[in-house]
N, C-alpha and C. Protein backbone atom coordinates (compact mmCIF):
# COMPACT_ATOMS: atom_id res chain seq x y z
N UNK A 1 -13.14 48.13 94.29
CA UNK A 1 -13.32 48.33 92.96
C UNK A 1 -11.76 48.18 92.58
N UNK A 2 -11.10 48.43 92.62
CA UNK A 2 -9.68 48.53 92.72
C UNK A 2 -8.34 47.38 92.72
N UNK A 3 -9.68 46.25 93.14
CA UNK A 3 -9.40 44.63 93.16
C UNK A 3 -10.08 43.92 91.41
N UNK A 4 -10.32 44.38 91.18
CA UNK A 4 -10.69 43.96 89.16
C UNK A 4 -12.27 42.94 89.79
N UNK A 5 -13.40 42.38 90.57
CA UNK A 5 -14.05 43.13 90.78
C UNK A 5 -15.27 42.62 90.24
N UNK A 6 -15.58 44.34 89.57
CA UNK A 6 -16.79 44.76 89.24
C UNK A 6 -15.83 44.52 87.50
N UNK A 7 -16.44 44.07 86.36
CA UNK A 7 -16.00 43.67 85.82
C UNK A 7 -17.49 44.28 84.70
N UNK A 8 -17.00 45.02 82.98
CA UNK A 8 -18.30 45.37 82.48
C UNK A 8 -18.24 44.96 81.94
N UNK A 9 -19.15 43.91 81.18
CA UNK A 9 -18.47 42.79 79.47
C UNK A 9 -19.38 44.79 78.45
N UNK A 10 -18.68 45.04 77.48
CA UNK A 10 -18.71 45.37 76.40
C UNK A 10 -18.44 47.40 77.07
N UNK A 11 -18.10 48.48 76.11
CA UNK A 11 -17.95 49.59 76.17
C UNK A 11 -18.71 50.66 76.94
N UNK A 12 -17.84 51.38 77.80
CA UNK A 12 -18.16 52.22 79.22
C UNK A 12 -19.13 53.34 77.38
N UNK A 13 -20.29 53.96 77.59
CA UNK A 13 -20.82 54.79 76.48
C UNK A 13 -20.65 56.62 76.68
N UNK A 14 -21.05 56.78 78.29
CA UNK A 14 -20.11 57.61 78.36
C UNK A 14 -19.17 58.43 79.03
N UNK A 15 -18.24 59.37 78.17
CA UNK A 15 -17.15 60.25 78.07
C UNK A 15 -16.49 60.12 79.52
N UNK A 16 -17.81 60.31 80.29
CA UNK A 16 -17.08 60.65 81.72
C UNK A 16 -17.04 59.74 82.32
N UNK A 17 -18.07 58.95 82.07
CA UNK A 17 -17.68 57.35 83.17
C UNK A 17 -16.86 56.69 82.77
N UNK A 18 -16.24 56.84 81.62
CA UNK A 18 -15.25 56.36 80.43
C UNK A 18 -13.75 56.85 81.36
N UNK A 19 -13.62 57.56 81.10
CA UNK A 19 -12.27 58.19 81.79
C UNK A 19 -12.33 57.95 83.38
N UNK A 20 -13.11 58.14 84.14
CA UNK A 20 -13.62 57.99 85.10
C UNK A 20 -12.95 56.26 85.66
N UNK A 21 -13.63 55.14 84.80
CA UNK A 21 -13.90 53.93 85.43
C UNK A 21 -13.40 53.06 84.68
N UNK A 22 -12.92 53.18 83.13
CA UNK A 22 -12.11 52.16 82.42
C UNK A 22 -11.39 51.49 83.09
N UNK A 23 -9.75 52.21 83.48
CA UNK A 23 -9.24 51.10 84.05
C UNK A 23 -10.14 50.65 85.26
N UNK A 24 -10.99 50.32 85.12
CA UNK A 24 -11.13 49.60 87.29
C UNK A 24 -12.27 48.73 86.48
N UNK A 25 -13.33 48.75 85.51
CA UNK A 25 -14.34 47.70 85.42
C UNK A 25 -14.46 47.28 84.31
N UNK A 26 -13.54 47.76 83.07
CA UNK A 26 -13.37 47.15 81.92
C UNK A 26 -12.29 45.81 82.16
N UNK A 27 -12.37 44.87 81.31
CA UNK A 27 -11.91 43.64 81.11
C UNK A 27 -9.96 44.34 80.81
N UNK A 28 -10.22 44.62 79.46
CA UNK A 28 -9.00 45.29 79.20
C UNK A 28 -8.08 46.20 79.52
N UNK A 29 -9.36 47.68 80.43
CA UNK A 29 -8.42 48.38 81.36
C UNK A 29 -7.52 47.74 82.81
N UNK A 30 -8.57 46.13 82.95
CA UNK A 30 -7.82 46.31 84.73
C UNK A 30 -6.30 45.60 84.19
N UNK A 31 -6.63 44.90 82.88
CA UNK A 31 -5.56 44.32 82.45
C UNK A 31 -4.25 44.90 82.23
N UNK A 32 -4.62 46.84 81.60
CA UNK A 32 -3.57 47.06 81.49
C UNK A 32 -3.16 47.38 82.77
N UNK A 33 -4.37 47.97 83.86
CA UNK A 33 -3.84 48.47 84.59
C UNK A 33 -3.12 47.86 85.66
N UNK A 34 -3.01 46.69 85.78
CA UNK A 34 -2.79 45.57 86.89
C UNK A 34 -0.59 44.97 85.78
N UNK A 35 -0.84 45.32 84.71
CA UNK A 35 0.09 45.12 84.32
C UNK A 35 0.76 45.81 84.25
N UNK A 36 1.18 47.33 84.35
CA UNK A 36 1.48 48.15 84.25
C UNK A 36 2.82 48.11 85.65
N UNK A 37 1.92 47.35 87.01
CA UNK A 37 3.06 47.03 87.74
C UNK A 37 4.44 45.98 87.48
N UNK A 38 3.81 44.95 86.39
CA UNK A 38 4.45 44.02 86.24
C UNK A 38 5.45 44.09 85.26
N UNK A 39 5.00 45.10 83.87
CA UNK A 39 6.01 45.57 83.27
C UNK A 39 7.16 47.15 83.52
N UNK A 40 6.81 47.22 85.19
CA UNK A 40 7.63 48.24 85.27
C UNK A 40 8.94 47.66 85.89
N UNK A 41 8.14 46.02 86.74
CA UNK A 41 9.42 45.33 87.50
C UNK A 41 10.22 44.63 86.51
N UNK A 42 9.45 44.58 85.21
CA UNK A 42 10.01 43.17 84.40
C UNK A 42 11.48 44.80 83.61
N UNK A 43 11.56 45.91 83.48
CA UNK A 43 11.79 47.46 83.02
C UNK A 43 13.11 47.01 84.14
N UNK A 44 13.63 46.79 85.03
CA UNK A 44 13.81 47.65 86.45
C UNK A 44 14.59 45.97 86.41
N UNK A 45 14.62 44.57 85.96
CA UNK A 45 14.71 43.59 85.87
C UNK A 45 15.85 43.87 84.53
N UNK A 46 15.61 43.78 83.70
CA UNK A 46 16.07 44.22 82.30
C UNK A 46 17.36 45.00 82.55
N UNK A 47 17.24 46.31 83.31
CA UNK A 47 18.58 47.18 83.72
C UNK A 47 19.52 46.88 84.21
N UNK A 48 19.16 45.66 85.42
CA UNK A 48 19.62 45.31 85.98
C UNK A 48 20.42 43.83 85.98
N UNK A 49 20.02 43.37 84.50
CA UNK A 49 20.30 42.15 83.90
C UNK A 49 21.73 43.14 83.02
N UNK A 50 21.86 44.39 82.80
CA UNK A 50 22.35 44.68 82.61
C UNK A 50 23.73 44.97 82.41
N UNK A 51 23.12 46.01 84.02
CA UNK A 51 24.35 45.91 85.03
C UNK A 51 24.82 44.38 84.93
N UNK A 52 24.36 43.62 85.34
CA UNK A 52 25.78 42.16 85.57
C UNK A 52 26.29 41.55 85.18
N UNK A 53 25.82 42.33 83.27
CA UNK A 53 25.95 42.02 81.83
C UNK A 53 27.92 42.97 81.82
N UNK A 54 27.06 44.26 81.90
CA UNK A 54 29.03 44.69 81.95
C UNK A 54 29.97 44.27 83.10
N UNK A 55 28.98 44.27 84.51
CA UNK A 55 30.07 43.94 85.73
C UNK A 55 30.97 42.85 84.99
N UNK A 56 30.53 41.20 84.33
CA UNK A 56 30.57 39.92 84.76
C UNK A 56 32.08 40.21 83.08
N UNK A 57 31.05 41.26 82.24
CA UNK A 57 32.59 41.10 81.08
C UNK A 57 33.66 41.69 81.85
N UNK A 58 33.78 42.46 82.38
CA UNK A 58 34.72 43.35 83.26
C UNK A 58 35.84 42.49 83.92
N UNK A 59 34.76 41.48 84.75
CA UNK A 59 35.40 40.42 85.79
C UNK A 59 35.95 39.95 84.30
N UNK A 60 36.07 39.16 83.69
CA UNK A 60 36.10 38.11 82.77
C UNK A 60 37.64 38.45 82.03
N UNK A 61 37.73 39.53 81.62
CA UNK A 61 38.92 40.54 81.62
C UNK A 61 39.68 40.46 82.23
N UNK A 62 39.58 40.60 83.59
CA UNK A 62 40.21 40.56 84.99
C UNK A 62 41.33 39.21 85.11
N UNK A 63 39.56 38.45 84.88
CA UNK A 63 40.84 36.69 84.72
C UNK A 63 41.50 36.38 83.84
N UNK A 64 41.19 37.45 83.08
CA UNK A 64 42.21 36.64 81.69
C UNK A 64 43.36 37.34 82.02
N UNK A 65 43.49 38.61 82.31
CA UNK A 65 44.58 39.66 82.40
C UNK A 65 45.33 38.53 83.54
N UNK A 66 44.97 37.56 84.57
CA UNK A 66 45.29 37.08 84.96
C UNK A 66 45.87 35.45 85.24
N UNK A 67 45.39 35.65 83.99
CA UNK A 67 46.01 33.80 83.69
C UNK A 67 47.24 34.18 82.70
N UNK A 68 46.77 35.39 81.99
CA UNK A 68 47.97 35.44 80.73
C UNK A 68 49.36 35.69 81.60
N UNK A 69 49.15 36.35 82.89
CA UNK A 69 50.76 36.89 83.78
C UNK A 69 50.51 35.04 84.81
N UNK A 70 49.76 34.37 84.62
CA UNK A 70 49.91 33.35 85.71
C UNK A 70 51.16 32.55 84.45
N UNK A 71 50.35 32.36 83.51
CA UNK A 71 50.89 31.99 82.26
C UNK A 71 52.56 32.27 81.88
N UNK A 72 53.14 33.82 81.62
CA UNK A 72 54.14 34.51 81.73
C UNK A 72 54.81 34.45 82.92
N UNK A 73 54.28 34.18 84.70
CA UNK A 73 55.12 33.37 85.31
C UNK A 73 55.35 32.05 85.03
N UNK A 74 54.82 31.01 85.02
CA UNK A 74 54.57 29.54 84.70
C UNK A 74 56.42 29.81 83.26
N UNK A 75 56.35 30.56 82.42
CA UNK A 75 57.32 30.88 81.21
C UNK A 75 58.83 30.85 81.93
N UNK A 76 58.34 32.48 82.59
CA UNK A 76 59.41 32.62 83.47
C UNK A 76 60.21 32.16 84.03
N UNK A 77 59.66 30.74 85.08
CA UNK A 77 60.22 30.26 85.81
C UNK A 77 60.71 29.01 85.77
N UNK A 78 59.99 28.08 84.02
CA UNK A 78 61.20 27.11 83.18
C UNK A 78 61.73 27.88 82.72
N UNK A 79 62.21 28.54 81.90
CA UNK A 79 62.96 29.98 81.21
C UNK A 79 64.58 30.07 82.79
N UNK A 80 64.42 30.38 83.71
CA UNK A 80 64.94 30.53 84.08
C UNK A 80 65.49 28.72 85.14
N UNK A 81 64.36 28.16 84.94
CA UNK A 81 65.45 27.03 86.52
C UNK A 81 66.51 26.34 84.91
N UNK A 82 65.78 26.80 83.42
CA UNK A 82 66.61 26.03 82.40
C UNK A 82 68.24 26.32 82.42
N UNK A 83 67.52 27.54 82.59
CA UNK A 83 69.65 28.79 82.64
C UNK A 83 69.69 28.23 83.74
N UNK A 84 69.29 27.95 84.67
CA UNK A 84 69.95 27.25 86.27
C UNK A 84 71.05 26.56 85.65
N UNK A 85 69.96 25.21 85.15
CA UNK A 85 70.63 23.85 85.05
C UNK A 85 71.58 24.33 84.05
N UNK A 86 71.93 24.52 83.46
CA UNK A 86 73.04 24.81 81.88
C UNK A 86 74.23 25.36 82.75
N UNK A 87 73.76 26.42 82.85
CA UNK A 87 75.09 27.08 83.92
C UNK A 87 75.47 26.58 84.58
N UNK A 88 74.99 25.36 85.82
CA UNK A 88 75.31 24.57 86.62
C UNK A 88 76.62 23.75 86.08
N UNK A 89 75.66 23.06 84.34
CA UNK A 89 76.87 21.98 83.74
C UNK A 89 77.74 22.15 82.95
N UNK A 90 78.31 23.68 82.78
CA UNK A 90 79.41 24.02 81.67
C UNK A 90 80.51 24.00 82.86
């Protein structure tokens, strides 16, 4: 019965039976029960994606700092070379 192989068309009229079997024998109940696991998986996946987004944003910030450092290092090297050339030619 938990596999959803028994399907009842229409509503379960007795409250005691409805409470006990609706999730196993009605189309709506079967879908809701089986979808619960998928909804949980979807929620977990979205949470993981949020963590990945945060981590990648931090990584992009670090990369931007390295690029800035690289540009500054290149600028300093260029200026040192200019000073060295000007100092030798005087």
